[in-house]
Amino acid sequence: MSVYEQVYAIVCRIPKGKVLTYGLISNVLNGRLSAQGVGWAMQALAKNPNKPGKYNATNVPWHRVINSQGKLSTHKNPNILPGLQKKLLMSEGIKFDAEEKMDLPKHLWKEGLSSPDD
């Protein structure tokens, strides 16, 4: 399994209403991919959303991966519609404050901080 596929396997386990950060996913992978690399893995999904195979943007909940400040970073990705990630998270019950920040301790998926092989 490629390191990107390992990222996608972790992201697929994040339940509705919960999130992981790019850096925490990197930690679960024991640094085999940096936080920025996890972001690149998410961008690869967005660039080819209907890619055939086990992992694509329709079956990987990419919107549940956020930055370490509890904010969204998809505004940097031209392949994702502005506001889409926020809309998807809000539909799962996640609220944002006036600074576009979520309550990360409340929504962090702590069970996801272990290896997918555990």
PDB file of N, CA and C in Angstrom:
ATOM      1  N   MET A   1       0.856  -1.176   0.000  1.00  0.00           N
ATOM      2  CA  MET A   1       0.000   0.000   0.000  1.00  0.00           C
ATOM      3  C   MET A   1       0.903   1.241   0.000  1.00  0.00           C
ATOM      4  N   SER A   2       0.644   2.156  -0.921  1.00  0.00           N
ATOM      5  CA  SER A   2       1.434   3.391  -0.995  1.00  0.00           C
ATOM      6  C   SER A   2       1.135   4.277   0.215  1.00  0.00           C
ATOM      7  N   VAL A   3       2.001   5.239   0.471  1.00  0.00           N
ATOM      8  CA  VAL A   3       1.788   6.134   1.609  1.00  0.00           C
ATOM      9  C   VAL A   3       0.514   6.970   1.408  1.00  0.00           C
ATOM     10  N   TYR A   4       0.216   7.361   0.164  1.00  0.00           N
ATOM     11  CA  TYR A   4      -1.045   8.073  -0.087  1.00  0.00           C
ATOM     12  C   TYR A   4      -2.231   7.166   0.247  1.00  0.00           C
ATOM     13  N   GLU A   5      -2.151   5.908  -0.139  1.00  0.00           N
ATOM     14  CA  GLU A   5      -3.237   4.976   0.180  1.00  0.00           C
ATOM     15  C   GLU A   5      -3.377   4.800   1.691  1.00  0.00           C
ATOM     16  N   GLN A   6      -2.261   4.855   2.428  1.00  0.00           N
ATOM     17  CA  GLN A   6      -2.317   4.783   3.879  1.00  0.00           C
ATOM     18  C   GLN A   6      -3.040   6.004   4.445  1.00  0.00           C
ATOM     19  N   VAL A   7      -2.762   7.184   3.879  1.00  0.00           N
ATOM     20  CA  VAL A   7      -3.472   8.405   4.280  1.00  0.00           C
ATOM     21  C   VAL A   7      -4.962   8.222   4.046  1.00  0.00           C
ATOM     22  N   TYR A   8      -5.332   7.778   2.867  1.00  0.00           N
ATOM     23  CA  TYR A   8      -6.750   7.618   2.530  1.00  0.00           C
ATOM     24  C   TYR A   8      -7.430   6.597   3.439  1.00  0.00           C
ATOM     25  N   ALA A   9      -6.710   5.522   3.792  1.00  0.00           N
ATOM     26  CA  ALA A   9      -7.277   4.509   4.691  1.00  0.00           C
ATOM     27  C   ALA A   9      -7.581   5.126   6.058  1.00  0.00           C
ATOM     28  N   ILE A  10      -6.701   5.991   6.548  1.00  0.00           N
ATOM     29  CA  ILE A  10      -6.939   6.673   7.821  1.00  0.00           C
ATOM     30  C   ILE A  10      -8.137   7.605   7.690  1.00  0.00           C
ATOM     31  N   VAL A  11      -8.153   8.412   6.638  1.00  0.00           N
ATOM     32  CA  VAL A  11      -9.226   9.388   6.445  1.00  0.00           C
ATOM     33  C   VAL A  11     -10.579   8.689   6.304  1.00  0.00           C
ATOM     34  N   CYS A  12     -10.614   7.548   5.665  1.00  0.00           N
ATOM     35  CA  CYS A  12     -11.872   6.807   5.505  1.00  0.00           C
ATOM     36  C   CYS A  12     -12.447   6.347   6.838  1.00  0.00           C
ATOM     37  N   ARG A  13     -11.628   6.261   7.864  1.00  0.00           N
ATOM     38  CA  ARG A  13     -12.085   5.816   9.179  1.00  0.00           C
ATOM     39  C   ARG A  13     -12.645   6.953  10.026  1.00  0.00           C
ATOM     40  N   ILE A  14     -12.440   8.210   9.643  1.00  0.00           N
ATOM     41  CA  ILE A  14     -12.910   9.342  10.445  1.00  0.00           C
ATOM     42  C   ILE A  14     -14.436   9.385  10.394  1.00  0.00           C
ATOM     43  N   PRO A  15     -15.088   9.293  11.550  1.00  0.00           N
ATOM     44  CA  PRO A  15     -16.557   9.311  11.542  1.00  0.00           C
ATOM     45  C   PRO A  15     -17.129  10.709  11.295  1.00  0.00           C
ATOM     46  N   LYS A  16     -18.385  10.742  10.912  1.00  0.00           N
ATOM     47  CA  LYS A  16     -19.088  12.019  10.716  1.00  0.00           C
ATOM     48  C   LYS A  16     -19.010  12.848  11.991  1.00  0.00           C
ATOM     49  N   GLY A  17     -18.796  14.152  11.817  1.00  0.00           N
ATOM     50  CA  GLY A  17     -18.733  15.060  12.949  1.00  0.00           C
ATOM     51  C   GLY A  17     -17.395  15.095  13.654  1.00  0.00           C
ATOM     52  N   LYS A  18     -16.417  14.356  13.135  1.00  0.00           N
ATOM     53  CA  LYS A  18     -15.077  14.317  13.715  1.00  0.00           C
ATOM     54  C   LYS A  18     -14.054  14.713  12.653  1.00  0.00           C
ATOM     55  N   VAL A  19     -12.877  15.130  13.098  1.00  0.00           N
ATOM     56  CA  VAL A  19     -11.818  15.547  12.182  1.00  0.00           C
ATOM     57  C   VAL A  19     -10.462  15.055  12.680  1.00  0.00           C
ATOM     58  N   LEU A  20      -9.503  15.041  11.779  1.00  0.00           N
ATOM     59  CA  LEU A  20      -8.085  14.885  12.095  1.00  0.00           C
ATOM     60  C   LEU A  20      -7.343  16.024  11.405  1.00  0.00           C
ATOM     61  N   THR A  21      -6.168  16.342  11.893  1.00  0.00           N
ATOM     62  CA  THR A  21      -5.355  17.370  11.251  1.00  0.00           C
ATOM     63  C   THR A  21      -4.322  16.713  10.334  1.00  0.00           C
ATOM     64  N   TYR A  22      -3.811  17.500   9.412  1.00  0.00           N
ATOM     65  CA  TYR A  22      -2.762  17.017   8.513  1.00  0.00           C
ATOM     66  C   TYR A  22      -1.581  16.487   9.324  1.00  0.00           C
ATOM     67  N   GLY A  23      -1.179  17.248  10.356  1.00  0.00           N
ATOM     68  CA  GLY A  23      -0.038  16.861  11.180  1.00  0.00           C
ATOM     69  C   GLY A  23      -0.272  15.598  11.981  1.00  0.00           C
ATOM     70  N   LEU A  24      -1.476  15.429  12.497  1.00  0.00           N
ATOM     71  CA  LEU A  24      -1.765  14.217  13.262  1.00  0.00           C
ATOM     72  C   LEU A  24      -1.764  12.986  12.366  1.00  0.00           C
ATOM     73  N   ILE A  25      -2.233  13.130  11.143  1.00  0.00           N
ATOM     74  CA  ILE A  25      -2.168  12.006  10.203  1.00  0.00           C
ATOM     75  C   ILE A  25      -0.711  11.680   9.915  1.00  0.00           C
ATOM     76  N   SER A  26       0.119  12.699   9.749  1.00  0.00           N
ATOM     77  CA  SER A  26       1.555  12.487   9.558  1.00  0.00           C
ATOM     78  C   SER A  26       2.138  11.715  10.735  1.00  0.00           C
ATOM     79  N   ASN A  27       1.736  12.088  11.960  1.00  0.00           N
ATOM     80  CA  ASN A  27       2.226  11.388  13.155  1.00  0.00           C
ATOM     81  C   ASN A  27       1.802   9.928  13.171  1.00  0.00           C
ATOM     82  N   VAL A  28       0.550   9.655  12.786  1.00  0.00           N
ATOM     83  CA  VAL A  28       0.063   8.273  12.744  1.00  0.00           C
ATOM     84  C   VAL A  28       0.918   7.452  11.766  1.00  0.00           C
ATOM     85  N   LEU A  29       1.382   8.114  10.716  1.00  0.00           N
ATOM     86  CA  LEU A  29       2.220   7.446   9.721  1.00  0.00           C
ATOM     87  C   LEU A  29       3.698   7.456  10.118  1.00  0.00           C
ATOM     88  N   ASN A  30       3.968   7.827  11.369  1.00  0.00           N
ATOM     89  CA  ASN A  30       5.343   7.894  11.872  1.00  0.00           C
ATOM     90  C   ASN A  30       6.241   8.776  11.015  1.00  0.00           C
ATOM     91  N   GLY A  31       5.663   9.853  10.489  1.00  0.00           N
ATOM     92  CA  GLY A  31       6.436  10.819   9.719  1.00  0.00           C
ATOM     93  C   GLY A  31       6.834  10.359   8.327  1.00  0.00           C
ATOM     94  N   ARG A  32       6.298   9.234   7.867  1.00  0.00           N
ATOM     95  CA  ARG A  32       6.637   8.778   6.500  1.00  0.00           C
ATOM     96  C   ARG A  32       6.162   9.775   5.451  1.00  0.00           C
ATOM     97  N   LEU A  33       5.260  10.651   5.858  1.00  0.00           N
ATOM     98  CA  LEU A  33       4.767  11.730   5.004  1.00  0.00           C
ATOM     99  C   LEU A  33       4.578  12.939   5.918  1.00  0.00           C
ATOM    100  N   SER A  34       5.071  14.087   5.496  1.00  0.00           N
ATOM    101  CA  SER A  34       4.923  15.302   6.302  1.00  0.00           C
ATOM    102  C   SER A  34       3.466  15.759   6.306  1.00  0.00           C
ATOM    103  N   ALA A  35       3.167  16.720   7.188  1.00  0.00           N
ATOM    104  CA  ALA A  35       1.818  17.300   7.197  1.00  0.00           C
ATOM    105  C   ALA A  35       1.510  17.886   5.827  1.00  0.00           C
ATOM    106  N   GLN A  36       2.477  18.557   5.237  1.00  0.00           N
ATOM    107  CA  GLN A  36       2.275  19.117   3.900  1.00  0.00           C
ATOM    108  C   GLN A  36       2.039  17.998   2.883  1.00  0.00           C
ATOM    109  N   GLY A  37       2.746  16.897   3.040  1.00  0.00           N
ATOM    110  CA  GLY A  37       2.544  15.751   2.159  1.00  0.00           C
ATOM    111  C   GLY A  37       1.149  15.171   2.277  1.00  0.00           C
ATOM    112  N   VAL A  38       0.601  15.183   3.502  1.00  0.00           N
ATOM    113  CA  VAL A  38      -0.785  14.732   3.693  1.00  0.00           C
ATOM    114  C   VAL A  38      -1.719  15.667   2.919  1.00  0.00           C
ATOM    115  N   GLY A  39      -1.421  16.973   2.947  1.00  0.00           N
ATOM    116  CA  GLY A  39      -2.189  17.934   2.155  1.00  0.00           C
ATOM    117  C   GLY A  39      -2.099  17.634   0.666  1.00  0.00           C
ATOM    118  N   TRP A  40      -0.910  17.259   0.219  1.00  0.00           N
ATOM    119  CA  TRP A  40      -0.757  16.904  -1.206  1.00  0.00           C
ATOM    120  C   TRP A  40      -1.583  15.666  -1.544  1.00  0.00           C
ATOM    121  N   ALA A  41      -1.638  14.711  -0.619  1.00  0.00           N
ATOM    122  CA  ALA A  41      -2.462  13.519  -0.852  1.00  0.00           C
ATOM    123  C   ALA A  41      -3.928  13.919  -1.010  1.00  0.00           C
ATOM    124  N   MET A  42      -4.384  14.863  -0.177  1.00  0.00           N
ATOM    125  CA  MET A  42      -5.763  15.339  -0.285  1.00  0.00           C
ATOM    126  C   MET A  42      -5.970  16.081  -1.611  1.00  0.00           C
ATOM    127  N   GLN A  43      -4.972  16.859  -2.033  1.00  0.00           N
ATOM    128  CA  GLN A  43      -5.075  17.566  -3.313  1.00  0.00           C
ATOM    129  C   GLN A  43      -5.144  16.590  -4.478  1.00  0.00           C
ATOM    130  N   ALA A  44      -4.426  15.480  -4.372  1.00  0.00           N
ATOM    131  CA  ALA A  44      -4.457  14.480  -5.446  1.00  0.00           C
ATOM    132  C   ALA A  44      -5.875  13.952  -5.644  1.00  0.00           C
ATOM    133  N   LEU A  45      -6.628  13.823  -4.564  1.00  0.00           N
ATOM    134  CA  LEU A  45      -8.033  13.402  -4.685  1.00  0.00           C
ATOM    135  C   LEU A  45      -8.839  14.443  -5.448  1.00  0.00           C
ATOM    136  N   ALA A  46      -8.626  15.701  -5.092  1.00  0.00           N
ATOM    137  CA  ALA A  46      -9.402  16.786  -5.695  1.00  0.00           C
ATOM    138  C   ALA A  46      -9.084  16.957  -7.180  1.00  0.00           C
ATOM    139  N   LYS A  47      -7.844  16.698  -7.556  1.00  0.00           N
ATOM    140  CA  LYS A  47      -7.449  16.867  -8.961  1.00  0.00           C
ATOM    141  C   LYS A  47      -8.101  15.830  -9.865  1.00  0.00           C
ATOM    142  N   ASN A  48      -8.382  14.666  -9.329  1.00  0.00           N
ATOM    143  CA  ASN A  48      -8.972  13.595 -10.115  1.00  0.00           C
ATOM    144  C   ASN A  48     -10.078  12.937  -9.289  1.00  0.00           C
ATOM    145  N   PRO A  49     -11.210  13.648  -9.087  1.00  0.00           N
ATOM    146  CA  PRO A  49     -12.236  13.186  -8.151  1.00  0.00           C
ATOM    147  C   PRO A  49     -12.898  11.863  -8.510  1.00  0.00           C
ATOM    148  N   ASN A  50     -12.904  11.492  -9.768  1.00  0.00           N
ATOM    149  CA  ASN A  50     -13.564  10.251 -10.180  1.00  0.00           C
ATOM    150  C   ASN A  50     -12.577   9.168 -10.570  1.00  0.00           C
ATOM    151  N   LYS A  51     -11.362   9.272 -10.049  1.00  0.00           N
ATOM    152  CA  LYS A  51     -10.328   8.291 -10.356  1.00  0.00           C
ATOM    153  C   LYS A  51     -10.833   6.893 -10.028  1.00  0.00           C
ATOM    154  N   PRO A  52     -10.685   5.962 -10.954  1.00  0.00           N
ATOM    155  CA  PRO A  52     -11.129   4.598 -10.664  1.00  0.00           C
ATOM    156  C   PRO A  52     -10.272   3.985  -9.551  1.00  0.00           C
ATOM    157  N   GLY A  53     -10.850   3.095  -8.813  1.00  0.00           N
ATOM    158  CA  GLY A  53     -10.099   2.415  -7.759  1.00  0.00           C
ATOM    159  C   GLY A  53     -10.752   2.586  -6.405  1.00  0.00           C
ATOM    160  N   LYS A  54     -10.054   2.102  -5.410  1.00  0.00           N
ATOM    161  CA  LYS A  54     -10.593   2.071  -4.053  1.00  0.00           C
ATOM    162  C   LYS A  54     -10.744   3.461  -3.450  1.00  0.00           C
ATOM    163  N   TYR A  55      -9.836   4.382  -3.777  1.00  0.00           N
ATOM    164  CA  TYR A  55      -9.837   5.697  -3.142  1.00  0.00           C
ATOM    165  C   TYR A  55     -10.017   6.816  -4.159  1.00  0.00           C
ATOM    166  N   ASN A  56     -11.080   7.608  -3.980  1.00  0.00           N
ATOM    167  CA  ASN A  56     -11.278   8.812  -4.780  1.00  0.00           C
ATOM    168  C   ASN A  56     -12.104   9.796  -3.955  1.00  0.00           C
ATOM    169  N   ALA A  57     -12.327  10.974  -4.489  1.00  0.00           N
ATOM    170  CA  ALA A  57     -13.000  12.040  -3.729  1.00  0.00           C
ATOM    171  C   ALA A  57     -14.445  11.704  -3.377  1.00  0.00           C
ATOM    172  N   THR A  58     -15.028  10.725  -4.033  1.00  0.00           N
ATOM    173  CA  THR A  58     -16.405  10.372  -3.713  1.00  0.00           C
ATOM    174  C   THR A  58     -16.496   9.385  -2.549  1.00  0.00           C
ATOM    175  N   ASN A  59     -15.401   8.679  -2.238  1.00  0.00           N
ATOM    176  CA  ASN A  59     -15.481   7.711  -1.140  1.00  0.00           C
ATOM    177  C   ASN A  59     -14.467   7.955  -0.020  1.00  0.00           C
ATOM    178  N   VAL A  60     -13.664   8.994  -0.135  1.00  0.00           N
ATOM    179  CA  VAL A  60     -12.744   9.386   0.943  1.00  0.00           C
ATOM    180  C   VAL A  60     -13.259  10.713   1.506  1.00  0.00           C
ATOM    181  N   PRO A  61     -13.610  10.778   2.787  1.00  0.00           N
ATOM    182  CA  PRO A  61     -14.150  12.016   3.355  1.00  0.00           C
ATOM    183  C   PRO A  61     -13.055  13.059   3.608  1.00  0.00           C
ATOM    184  N   TRP A  62     -12.479  13.548   2.537  1.00  0.00           N
ATOM    185  CA  TRP A  62     -11.350  14.499   2.556  1.00  0.00           C
ATOM    186  C   TRP A  62     -11.663  15.738   3.388  1.00  0.00           C
ATOM    187  N   HIS A  63     -12.941  16.109   3.448  1.00  0.00           N
ATOM    188  CA  HIS A  63     -13.335  17.334   4.148  1.00  0.00           C
ATOM    189  C   HIS A  63     -13.122  17.239   5.654  1.00  0.00           C
ATOM    190  N   ARG A  64     -12.867  16.050   6.178  1.00  0.00           N
ATOM    191  CA  ARG A  64     -12.658  15.867   7.614  1.00  0.00           C
ATOM    192  C   ARG A  64     -11.195  16.039   8.027  1.00  0.00           C
ATOM    193  N   VAL A  65     -10.370  16.510   7.119  1.00  0.00           N
ATOM    194  CA  VAL A  65      -8.967  16.787   7.425  1.00  0.00           C
ATOM    195  C   VAL A  65      -8.778  18.300   7.404  1.00  0.00           C
ATOM    196  N   ILE A  66      -8.289  18.839   8.526  1.00  0.00           N
ATOM    197  CA  ILE A  66      -8.175  20.288   8.689  1.00  0.00           C
ATOM    198  C   ILE A  66      -6.776  20.641   9.188  1.00  0.00           C
ATOM    199  N   ASN A  67      -6.518  21.937   9.354  1.00  0.00           N
ATOM    200  CA  ASN A  67      -5.199  22.320   9.862  1.00  0.00           C
ATOM    201  C   ASN A  67      -5.174  22.296  11.395  1.00  0.00           C
ATOM    202  N   SER A  68      -3.997  22.458  11.954  1.00  0.00           N
ATOM    203  CA  SER A  68      -3.808  22.302  13.400  1.00  0.00           C
ATOM    204  C   SER A  68      -4.434  23.413  14.232  1.00  0.00           C
ATOM    205  N   GLN A  69      -4.861  24.492  13.595  1.00  0.00           N
ATOM    206  CA  GLN A  69      -5.536  25.569  14.319  1.00  0.00           C
ATOM    207  C   GLN A  69      -7.053  25.386  14.361  1.00  0.00           C
ATOM    208  N   GLY A  70      -7.546  24.295  13.784  1.00  0.00           N
ATOM    209  CA  GLY A  70      -8.988  24.080  13.734  1.00  0.00           C
ATOM    210  C   GLY A  70      -9.647  24.854  12.612  1.00  0.00           C
ATOM    211  N   LYS A  71      -8.837  25.234  11.625  1.00  0.00           N
ATOM    212  CA  LYS A  71      -9.351  25.988  10.480  1.00  0.00           C
ATOM    213  C   LYS A  71      -9.237  25.156   9.210  1.00  0.00           C
ATOM    214  N   LEU A  72      -9.850  25.662   8.166  1.00  0.00           N
ATOM    215  CA  LEU A  72      -9.840  24.986   6.872  1.00  0.00           C
ATOM    216  C   LEU A  72      -8.721  25.543   6.001  1.00  0.00           C
ATOM    217  N   SER A  73      -8.150  24.680   5.182  1.00  0.00           N
ATOM    218  CA  SER A  73      -7.061  25.111   4.302  1.00  0.00           C
ATOM    219  C   SER A  73      -7.367  24.892   2.826  1.00  0.00           C
ATOM    220  N   THR A  74      -8.588  24.501   2.508  1.00  0.00           N
ATOM    221  CA  THR A  74      -8.895  24.182   1.117  1.00  0.00           C
ATOM    222  C   THR A  74      -8.955  25.409   0.216  1.00  0.00           C
ATOM    223  N   HIS A  75      -8.956  26.612   0.800  1.00  0.00           N
ATOM    224  CA  HIS A  75      -8.938  27.819  -0.038  1.00  0.00           C
ATOM    225  C   HIS A  75      -7.665  27.880  -0.883  1.00  0.00           C
ATOM    226  N   LYS A  76      -6.661  27.106  -0.514  1.00  0.00           N
ATOM    227  CA  LYS A  76      -5.402  27.047  -1.265  1.00  0.00           C
ATOM    228  C   LYS A  76      -5.487  26.097  -2.454  1.00  0.00           C
ATOM    229  N   ASN A  77      -6.570  25.335  -2.542  1.00  0.00           N
ATOM    230  CA  ASN A  77      -6.706  24.329  -3.589  1.00  0.00           C
ATOM    231  C   ASN A  77      -7.740  24.776  -4.620  1.00  0.00           C
ATOM    232  N   PRO A  78      -7.284  25.105  -5.831  1.00  0.00           N
ATOM    233  CA  PRO A  78      -8.219  25.578  -6.855  1.00  0.00           C
ATOM    234  C   PRO A  78      -9.190  24.506  -7.360  1.00  0.00           C
ATOM    235  N   ASN A  79      -8.945  23.246  -6.994  1.00  0.00           N
ATOM    236  CA  ASN A  79      -9.816  22.152  -7.447  1.00  0.00           C
ATOM    237  C   ASN A  79     -11.011  21.924  -6.532  1.00  0.00           C
ATOM    238  N   ILE A  80     -11.089  22.681  -5.421  1.00  0.00           N
ATOM    239  CA  ILE A  80     -12.201  22.527  -4.484  1.00  0.00           C
ATOM    240  C   ILE A  80     -13.013  23.813  -4.478  1.00  0.00           C
ATOM    241  N   LEU A  81     -14.310  23.676  -4.647  1.00  0.00           N
ATOM    242  CA  LEU A  81     -15.189  24.845  -4.652  1.00  0.00           C
ATOM    243  C   LEU A  81     -15.072  25.621  -3.343  1.00  0.00           C
ATOM    244  N   PRO A  82     -14.978  26.944  -3.406  1.00  0.00           N
ATOM    245  CA  PRO A  82     -14.914  27.747  -2.181  1.00  0.00           C
ATOM    246  C   PRO A  82     -16.123  27.454  -1.278  1.00  0.00           C
ATOM    247  N   GLY A  83     -15.848  27.230  -0.012  1.00  0.00           N
ATOM    248  CA  GLY A  83     -16.906  26.992   0.966  1.00  0.00           C
ATOM    249  C   GLY A  83     -17.399  25.562   1.048  1.00  0.00           C
ATOM    250  N   LEU A  84     -16.970  24.690   0.137  1.00  0.00           N
ATOM    251  CA  LEU A  84     -17.492  23.323   0.121  1.00  0.00           C
ATOM    252  C   LEU A  84     -17.119  22.550   1.384  1.00  0.00           C
ATOM    253  N   GLN A  85     -15.859  22.633   1.800  1.00  0.00           N
ATOM    254  CA  GLN A  85     -15.444  21.890   2.986  1.00  0.00           C
ATOM    255  C   GLN A  85     -16.238  22.340   4.214  1.00  0.00           C
ATOM    256  N   LYS A  86     -16.395  23.628   4.382  1.00  0.00           N
ATOM    257  CA  LYS A  86     -17.155  24.153   5.525  1.00  0.00           C
ATOM    258  C   LYS A  86     -18.602  23.669   5.470  1.00  0.00           C
ATOM    259  N   LYS A  87     -19.197  23.723   4.302  1.00  0.00           N
ATOM    260  CA  LYS A  87     -20.586  23.273   4.140  1.00  0.00           C
ATOM    261  C   LYS A  87     -20.728  21.798   4.517  1.00  0.00           C
ATOM    262  N   LEU A  88     -19.802  20.970   4.060  1.00  0.00           N
ATOM    263  CA  LEU A  88     -19.863  19.540   4.368  1.00  0.00           C
ATOM    264  C   LEU A  88     -19.696  19.283   5.860  1.00  0.00           C
ATOM    265  N   LEU A  89     -18.757  19.990   6.505  1.00  0.00           N
ATOM    266  CA  LEU A  89     -18.556  19.809   7.942  1.00  0.00           C
ATOM    267  C   LEU A  89     -19.749  20.317   8.739  1.00  0.00           C
ATOM    268  N   MET A  90     -20.313  21.435   8.333  1.00  0.00           N
ATOM    269  CA  MET A  90     -21.490  21.964   9.025  1.00  0.00           C
ATOM    270  C   MET A  90     -22.670  20.997   8.910  1.00  0.00           C
ATOM    271  N   SER A  91     -22.776  20.311   7.767  1.00  0.00           N
ATOM    272  CA  SER A  91     -23.858  19.336   7.601  1.00  0.00           C
ATOM    273  C   SER A  91     -23.693  18.148   8.550  1.00  0.00           C
ATOM    274  N   GLU A  92     -22.486  17.981   9.097  1.00  0.00           N
ATOM    275  CA  GLU A  92     -22.212  16.918  10.059  1.00  0.00           C
ATOM    276  C   GLU A  92     -22.277  17.431  11.500  1.00  0.00           C
ATOM    277  N   GLY A  93     -22.718  18.682  11.681  1.00  0.00           N
ATOM    278  CA  GLY A  93     -22.901  19.227  13.012  1.00  0.00           C
ATOM    279  C   GLY A  93     -21.737  20.029  13.564  1.00  0.00           C
ATOM    280  N   ILE A  94     -20.726  20.279  12.766  1.00  0.00           N
ATOM    281  CA  ILE A  94     -19.578  21.064  13.222  1.00  0.00           C
ATOM    282  C   ILE A  94     -19.879  22.540  13.007  1.00  0.00           C
ATOM    283  N   LYS A  95     -19.667  23.319  14.061  1.00  0.00           N
ATOM    284  CA  LYS A  95     -19.908  24.764  13.992  1.00  0.00           C
ATOM    285  C   LYS A  95     -18.584  25.511  13.946  1.00  0.00           C
ATOM    286  N   PHE A  96     -18.622  26.692  13.339  1.00  0.00           N
ATOM    287  CA  PHE A  96     -17.444  27.546  13.224  1.00  0.00           C
ATOM    288  C   PHE A  96     -17.723  28.868  13.908  1.00  0.00           C
ATOM    289  N   ASP A  97     -16.685  29.448  14.516  1.00  0.00           N
ATOM    290  CA  ASP A  97     -16.852  30.745  15.165  1.00  0.00           C
ATOM    291  C   ASP A  97     -16.632  31.874  14.149  1.00  0.00           C
ATOM    292  N   ALA A  98     -16.647  33.100  14.619  1.00  0.00           N
ATOM    293  CA  ALA A  98     -16.513  34.267  13.741  1.00  0.00           C
ATOM    294  C   ALA A  98     -15.166  34.303  13.033  1.00  0.00           C
ATOM    295  N   GLU A  99     -14.175  33.604  13.580  1.00  0.00           N
ATOM    296  CA  GLU A  99     -12.842  33.548  12.955  1.00  0.00           C
ATOM    297  C   GLU A  99     -12.681  32.334  12.048  1.00  0.00           C
ATOM    298  N   GLU A 100     -13.817  31.682  11.722  1.00  0.00           N
ATOM    299  CA  GLU A 100     -13.816  30.500  10.842  1.00  0.00           C
ATOM    300  C   GLU A 100     -13.050  29.331  11.464  1.00  0.00           C
ATOM    301  N   LYS A 101     -13.127  29.214  12.779  1.00  0.00           N
ATOM    302  CA  LYS A 101     -12.412  28.177  13.510  1.00  0.00           C
ATOM    303  C   LYS A 101     -13.419  27.273  14.206  1.00  0.00           C
ATOM    304  N   MET A 102     -13.140  25.965  14.230  1.00  0.00           N
ATOM    305  CA  MET A 102     -13.995  25.020  14.939  1.00  0.00           C
ATOM    306  C   MET A 102     -13.394  24.717  16.308  1.00  0.00           C
ATOM    307  N   ASP A 103     -14.183  24.112  17.168  1.00  0.00           N
ATOM    308  CA  ASP A 103     -13.717  23.670  18.476  1.00  0.00           C
ATOM    309  C   ASP A 103     -12.968  22.348  18.263  1.00  0.00           C
ATOM    310  N   LEU A 104     -11.658  22.447  18.010  1.00  0.00           N
ATOM    311  CA  LEU A 104     -10.872  21.263  17.662  1.00  0.00           C
ATOM    312  C   LEU A 104     -10.890  20.202  18.763  1.00  0.00           C
ATOM    313  N   PRO A 105     -10.700  20.554  20.041  1.00  0.00           N
ATOM    314  CA  PRO A 105     -10.745  19.497  21.062  1.00  0.00           C
ATOM    315  C   PRO A 105     -12.073  18.731  21.074  1.00  0.00           C
ATOM    316  N   LYS A 106     -13.153  19.406  20.783  1.00  0.00           N
ATOM    317  CA  LYS A 106     -14.477  18.766  20.766  1.00  0.00           C
ATOM    318  C   LYS A 106     -14.626  17.807  19.591  1.00  0.00           C
ATOM    319  N   HIS A 107     -14.084  18.172  18.444  1.00  0.00           N
ATOM    320  CA  HIS A 107     -14.315  17.396  17.221  1.00  0.00           C
ATOM    321  C   HIS A 107     -13.152  16.499  16.806  1.00  0.00           C
ATOM    322  N   LEU A 108     -12.037  16.584  17.526  1.00  0.00           N
ATOM    323  CA  LEU A 108     -10.881  15.764  17.170  1.00  0.00           C
ATOM    324  C   LEU A 108     -11.191  14.288  17.399  1.00  0.00           C
ATOM    325  N   TRP A 109     -10.912  13.483  16.405  1.00  0.00           N
ATOM    326  CA  TRP A 109     -11.153  12.042  16.478  1.00  0.00           C
ATOM    327  C   TRP A 109      -9.939  11.376  17.122  1.00  0.00           C
ATOM    328  N   LYS A 110      -9.960  11.269  18.426  1.00  0.00           N
ATOM    329  CA  LYS A 110      -8.810  10.756  19.177  1.00  0.00           C
ATOM    330  C   LYS A 110      -8.513   9.287  18.859  1.00  0.00           C
ATOM    331  N   GLU A 111      -9.549   8.524  18.546  1.00  0.00           N
ATOM    332  CA  GLU A 111      -9.332   7.117  18.191  1.00  0.00           C
ATOM    333  C   GLU A 111      -8.501   7.005  16.918  1.00  0.00           C
ATOM    334  N   GLY A 112      -8.502   8.057  16.129  1.00  0.00           N
ATOM    335  CA  GLY A 112      -7.761   8.049  14.870  1.00  0.00           C
ATOM    336  C   GLY A 112      -6.290   8.342  15.022  1.00  0.00           C
ATOM    337  N   LEU A 113      -5.845   8.514  16.254  1.00  0.00           N
ATOM    338  CA  LEU A 113      -4.446   8.839  16.475  1.00  0.00           C
ATOM    339  C   LEU A 113      -3.561   7.610  16.580  1.00  0.00           C
ATOM    340  N   SER A 114      -4.109   6.449  16.254  1.00  0.00           N
ATOM    341  CA  SER A 114      -3.323   5.228  16.221  1.00  0.00           C
ATOM    342  C   SER A 114      -3.227   4.727  14.782  1.00  0.00           C
ATOM    343  N   SER A 115      -2.281   3.879  14.551  1.00  0.00           N
ATOM    344  CA  SER A 115      -2.048   3.355  13.205  1.00  0.00           C
ATOM    345  C   SER A 115      -3.257   2.571  12.708  1.00  0.00           C
ATOM    346  N   PRO A 116      -3.548   2.644  11.405  1.00  0.00           N
ATOM    347  CA  PRO A 116      -4.697   1.890  10.882  1.00  0.00           C
ATOM    348  C   PRO A 116      -4.494   0.376  11.008  1.00  0.00           C
ATOM    349  N   ASP A 117      -3.267  -0.058  11.302  1.00  0.00           N
ATOM    350  CA  ASP A 117      -2.995  -1.478  11.465  1.00  0.00           C
ATOM    351  C   ASP A 117      -3.264  -1.975  12.876  1.00  0.00           C
ATOM    352  N   ASP A 118      -3.479  -1.009  13.821  1.00  0.00           N
ATOM    353  CA  ASP A 118      -3.713  -1.382  15.232  1.00  0.00           C
ATOM    354  C   ASP A 118      -5.076  -2.020  15.404  1.00  0.00           C
TER     355      ASP A 118
END
